[in-house]
N, C-alpha and C. Protein backbone atom coordinates (compact mmCIF):
# COMPACT_ATOMS: atom_id res chain seq x y z
N MET A 1 103.50 58.78 29.91
CA MET A 1 102.34 59.22 29.19
C MET A 1 102.60 59.29 27.69
N CYS A 2 103.83 59.51 27.29
CA CYS A 2 104.13 59.61 25.88
C CYS A 2 103.90 58.27 25.18
N CYS A 3 104.33 57.19 25.81
CA CYS A 3 104.13 55.86 25.22
C CYS A 3 102.64 55.51 25.18
N LEU A 4 101.91 55.91 26.21
CA LEU A 4 100.47 55.66 26.24
C LEU A 4 99.80 56.41 25.09
N PHE A 5 100.17 57.65 24.87
CA PHE A 5 99.57 58.44 23.79
C PHE A 5 99.89 57.82 22.43
N THR A 6 101.11 57.38 22.23
CA THR A 6 101.49 56.76 20.96
C THR A 6 100.71 55.48 20.73
N THR A 7 100.57 54.66 21.77
CA THR A 7 99.79 53.43 21.66
C THR A 7 98.33 53.75 21.37
N LEU A 8 97.81 54.77 22.02
CA LEU A 8 96.42 55.18 21.81
C LEU A 8 96.19 55.59 20.36
N VAL A 9 97.10 56.35 19.81
CA VAL A 9 96.94 56.82 18.43
C VAL A 9 97.08 55.67 17.45
N LEU A 10 98.04 54.80 17.65
CA LEU A 10 98.31 53.75 16.68
C LEU A 10 97.40 52.54 16.80
N LEU A 11 97.04 52.14 18.01
CA LEU A 11 96.31 50.89 18.20
C LEU A 11 94.91 51.04 18.78
N GLY A 12 94.59 52.19 19.31
CA GLY A 12 93.25 52.41 19.83
C GLY A 12 93.18 52.39 21.34
N PRO A 13 92.03 52.77 21.87
CA PRO A 13 91.89 52.93 23.32
C PRO A 13 91.92 51.61 24.09
N ARG A 14 91.47 50.53 23.50
CA ARG A 14 91.46 49.26 24.22
C ARG A 14 92.88 48.75 24.49
N VAL A 15 93.72 48.81 23.50
CA VAL A 15 95.10 48.36 23.66
C VAL A 15 95.86 49.31 24.58
N ALA A 16 95.65 50.61 24.41
CA ALA A 16 96.31 51.58 25.29
C ALA A 16 95.89 51.37 26.74
N GLY A 17 94.61 51.13 26.97
CA GLY A 17 94.14 50.87 28.32
C GLY A 17 94.71 49.59 28.89
N ALA A 18 94.80 48.55 28.09
CA ALA A 18 95.36 47.29 28.57
C ALA A 18 96.84 47.44 28.92
N ILE A 19 97.58 48.17 28.10
CA ILE A 19 99.00 48.40 28.40
C ILE A 19 99.16 49.25 29.66
N TRP A 20 98.31 50.25 29.79
CA TRP A 20 98.35 51.10 31.00
C TRP A 20 98.01 50.28 32.24
N TRP A 21 97.05 49.38 32.11
CA TRP A 21 96.65 48.52 33.23
C TRP A 21 97.80 47.60 33.63
N ILE A 22 98.50 47.04 32.66
CA ILE A 22 99.63 46.15 32.94
C ILE A 22 100.80 46.94 33.53
N ALA A 23 101.03 48.14 33.02
CA ALA A 23 102.16 48.94 33.48
C ALA A 23 101.95 49.53 34.87
N ARG A 24 100.71 49.92 35.20
CA ARG A 24 100.44 50.57 36.49
C ARG A 24 99.20 49.97 37.15
N PRO A 25 99.26 48.72 37.58
CA PRO A 25 98.07 48.09 38.16
C PRO A 25 97.63 48.71 39.49
N VAL A 26 98.56 49.25 40.25
CA VAL A 26 98.19 49.87 41.53
C VAL A 26 97.35 51.12 41.30
N TYR A 27 97.67 51.88 40.26
CA TYR A 27 96.88 53.07 39.93
C TYR A 27 95.45 52.68 39.60
N TRP A 28 95.27 51.62 38.79
CA TRP A 28 93.94 51.15 38.43
C TRP A 28 93.20 50.65 39.66
N GLN A 29 93.89 49.96 40.56
CA GLN A 29 93.25 49.46 41.77
C GLN A 29 92.84 50.60 42.70
N SER A 30 93.57 51.71 42.65
CA SER A 30 93.20 52.85 43.49
C SER A 30 91.95 53.55 42.97
N ILE A 31 91.69 53.45 41.66
CA ILE A 31 90.51 54.08 41.06
C ILE A 31 89.30 53.15 41.14
N PHE A 32 89.51 51.89 40.76
CA PHE A 32 88.43 50.90 40.74
C PHE A 32 88.64 49.91 41.88
N ASN A 33 87.56 49.52 42.54
CA ASN A 33 87.66 48.58 43.65
C ASN A 33 87.75 47.14 43.20
N SER A 34 87.32 46.84 42.00
CA SER A 34 87.28 45.48 41.49
C SER A 34 87.90 45.45 40.10
N TRP A 35 88.27 44.31 39.62
CA TRP A 35 88.85 44.18 38.29
C TRP A 35 87.77 44.10 37.21
N ILE A 36 86.53 43.80 37.60
CA ILE A 36 85.48 43.61 36.61
C ILE A 36 85.06 44.92 35.93
N TRP A 37 85.00 46.03 36.69
CA TRP A 37 84.56 47.30 36.12
C TRP A 37 85.54 47.85 35.08
N PRO A 38 86.84 47.84 35.35
CA PRO A 38 87.72 48.32 34.28
C PRO A 38 87.74 47.39 33.07
N LEU A 39 87.58 46.08 33.29
CA LEU A 39 87.53 45.16 32.16
C LEU A 39 86.30 45.42 31.29
N LEU A 40 85.14 45.55 31.93
CA LEU A 40 83.93 45.86 31.18
C LEU A 40 84.03 47.23 30.51
N GLY A 41 84.66 48.17 31.20
CA GLY A 41 84.84 49.50 30.63
C GLY A 41 85.71 49.47 29.38
N LEU A 42 86.79 48.71 29.42
CA LEU A 42 87.65 48.64 28.24
C LEU A 42 86.99 47.91 27.09
N ILE A 43 86.10 46.98 27.38
CA ILE A 43 85.42 46.25 26.32
C ILE A 43 84.33 47.10 25.68
N PHE A 44 83.48 47.73 26.50
CA PHE A 44 82.29 48.41 25.98
C PHE A 44 82.44 49.92 25.83
N LEU A 45 83.13 50.58 26.75
CA LEU A 45 83.28 52.04 26.72
C LEU A 45 84.75 52.42 26.97
N PRO A 46 85.63 52.13 26.01
CA PRO A 46 87.06 52.35 26.28
C PRO A 46 87.45 53.82 26.45
N TRP A 47 86.90 54.73 25.66
CA TRP A 47 87.25 56.14 25.81
C TRP A 47 86.78 56.68 27.16
N THR A 48 85.60 56.27 27.58
CA THR A 48 85.07 56.73 28.87
C THR A 48 85.91 56.19 30.02
N THR A 49 86.34 54.95 29.92
CA THR A 49 87.16 54.36 30.97
C THR A 49 88.49 55.09 31.09
N LEU A 50 89.13 55.37 29.96
CA LEU A 50 90.40 56.09 30.01
C LEU A 50 90.22 57.51 30.54
N MET A 51 89.15 58.17 30.14
CA MET A 51 88.92 59.53 30.63
C MET A 51 88.61 59.52 32.13
N TYR A 52 87.88 58.51 32.58
CA TYR A 52 87.60 58.41 34.01
C TYR A 52 88.89 58.22 34.80
N LEU A 53 89.81 57.45 34.27
CA LEU A 53 91.10 57.27 34.94
C LEU A 53 91.88 58.58 35.03
N VAL A 54 91.70 59.45 34.06
CA VAL A 54 92.41 60.72 34.08
C VAL A 54 91.79 61.69 35.09
N VAL A 55 90.46 61.74 35.18
CA VAL A 55 89.81 62.74 36.02
C VAL A 55 89.46 62.24 37.43
N ALA A 56 89.41 60.96 37.66
CA ALA A 56 88.91 60.42 38.93
C ALA A 56 89.84 60.58 40.14
N PRO A 57 91.16 60.63 40.02
CA PRO A 57 91.99 60.69 41.23
C PRO A 57 91.69 61.88 42.13
N MET A 58 91.33 63.01 41.58
CA MET A 58 91.01 64.18 42.40
C MET A 58 89.51 64.29 42.68
N GLY A 59 88.73 63.34 42.20
CA GLY A 59 87.29 63.41 42.32
C GLY A 59 86.70 64.02 41.06
N VAL A 60 85.48 63.66 40.76
CA VAL A 60 84.83 64.16 39.55
C VAL A 60 83.98 65.36 39.93
N PHE A 61 84.43 66.55 39.54
CA PHE A 61 83.76 67.80 39.86
C PHE A 61 83.62 68.65 38.62
N GLY A 62 82.60 69.47 38.57
CA GLY A 62 82.44 70.53 37.59
C GLY A 62 82.75 70.16 36.16
N PHE A 63 83.84 70.71 35.63
CA PHE A 63 84.19 70.56 34.22
C PHE A 63 84.60 69.13 33.88
N ASP A 64 84.92 68.32 34.88
CA ASP A 64 85.26 66.90 34.62
C ASP A 64 84.09 66.16 33.98
N TRP A 65 82.88 66.56 34.33
CA TRP A 65 81.71 65.92 33.73
C TRP A 65 81.63 66.18 32.23
N VAL A 66 82.13 67.34 31.80
CA VAL A 66 82.15 67.64 30.36
C VAL A 66 83.09 66.67 29.65
N TRP A 67 84.26 66.42 30.23
CA TRP A 67 85.21 65.48 29.62
C TRP A 67 84.63 64.07 29.57
N LEU A 68 83.98 63.66 30.65
CA LEU A 68 83.37 62.33 30.66
C LEU A 68 82.24 62.23 29.64
N THR A 69 81.46 63.29 29.49
CA THR A 69 80.38 63.29 28.50
C THR A 69 80.95 63.21 27.08
N LEU A 70 82.02 63.92 26.82
CA LEU A 70 82.65 63.84 25.50
C LEU A 70 83.19 62.43 25.23
N ALA A 71 83.70 61.78 26.25
CA ALA A 71 84.19 60.41 26.08
C ALA A 71 83.04 59.45 25.79
N VAL A 72 81.91 59.62 26.46
CA VAL A 72 80.74 58.78 26.18
C VAL A 72 80.25 59.03 24.75
N VAL A 73 80.24 60.28 24.33
CA VAL A 73 79.83 60.60 22.96
C VAL A 73 80.78 59.95 21.96
N ALA A 74 82.08 59.95 22.25
CA ALA A 74 83.05 59.30 21.37
C ALA A 74 82.81 57.80 21.29
N ASP A 75 82.49 57.17 22.43
CA ASP A 75 82.20 55.73 22.42
C ASP A 75 80.94 55.42 21.63
N VAL A 76 79.88 56.15 21.90
CA VAL A 76 78.62 55.91 21.19
C VAL A 76 78.78 56.24 19.71
N GLY A 77 79.53 57.28 19.41
CA GLY A 77 79.78 57.64 18.02
C GLY A 77 80.58 56.59 17.28
N SER A 78 81.50 55.95 17.96
CA SER A 78 82.28 54.91 17.29
C SER A 78 81.41 53.71 16.95
N TYR A 79 80.47 53.38 17.82
CA TYR A 79 79.53 52.28 17.51
C TYR A 79 78.54 52.71 16.42
N GLY A 80 77.98 53.89 16.56
CA GLY A 80 77.01 54.38 15.59
C GLY A 80 77.63 54.66 14.24
N GLY A 81 78.86 55.17 14.22
CA GLY A 81 79.54 55.43 12.95
C GLY A 81 79.82 54.17 12.18
N GLY A 82 80.13 53.08 12.88
CA GLY A 82 80.34 51.81 12.21
C GLY A 82 79.07 51.26 11.60
N ALA A 83 77.97 51.43 12.30
CA ALA A 83 76.68 50.97 11.78
C ALA A 83 76.26 51.81 10.57
N TYR A 84 76.46 53.11 10.67
CA TYR A 84 76.08 53.99 9.56
C TYR A 84 76.95 53.72 8.33
N GLY A 85 78.23 53.48 8.55
CA GLY A 85 79.12 53.22 7.44
C GLY A 85 78.83 51.90 6.72
N ASN A 86 78.24 50.94 7.41
CA ASN A 86 77.95 49.63 6.83
C ASN A 86 76.47 49.47 6.48
N ARG A 87 75.72 50.54 6.40
CA ARG A 87 74.28 50.44 6.18
C ARG A 87 73.94 49.83 4.83
N ASN A 88 74.79 49.97 3.84
CA ASN A 88 74.51 49.43 2.51
C ASN A 88 74.72 47.92 2.44
N ARG A 89 75.32 47.33 3.45
CA ARG A 89 75.55 45.89 3.45
C ARG A 89 74.33 45.10 3.91
N PHE A 90 73.36 45.78 4.49
CA PHE A 90 72.16 45.10 4.95
C PHE A 90 71.19 44.92 3.80
N PRO A 91 70.76 43.67 3.53
CA PRO A 91 69.84 43.48 2.43
C PRO A 91 68.46 44.09 2.74
N GLY A 92 67.88 44.72 1.76
CA GLY A 92 66.55 45.30 1.93
C GLY A 92 66.55 46.69 2.52
N TYR A 93 67.73 47.24 2.84
CA TYR A 93 67.80 48.58 3.41
C TYR A 93 67.70 49.61 2.30
N LYS A 94 66.76 50.51 2.41
CA LYS A 94 66.57 51.57 1.43
C LYS A 94 66.90 52.90 2.10
N PRO A 95 67.99 53.55 1.67
CA PRO A 95 68.31 54.84 2.27
C PRO A 95 67.23 55.87 1.97
N ALA A 96 67.03 56.77 2.92
CA ALA A 96 65.98 57.78 2.77
C ALA A 96 66.32 58.84 1.78
């Protein structure tokens, strides 16, 4: 887990997830039935996919939904933050 955390901090959730998938493919197969869902998760919702891997082995109950919701907010915020940060690059955009 230490190497995963270091990779996550330095390179981001997509690379950390890919390394985790390569290092422990049986764990990923036990959580997901197909390879397509984790691949799509790492592409579009990487924080949510990683959080689901952490909470799913025991089942998703109670407070686990809070962690998953925070991961979704982090994913949506990363997309929205990039759009907000680049708003001045769009021609014709007048800030309010």
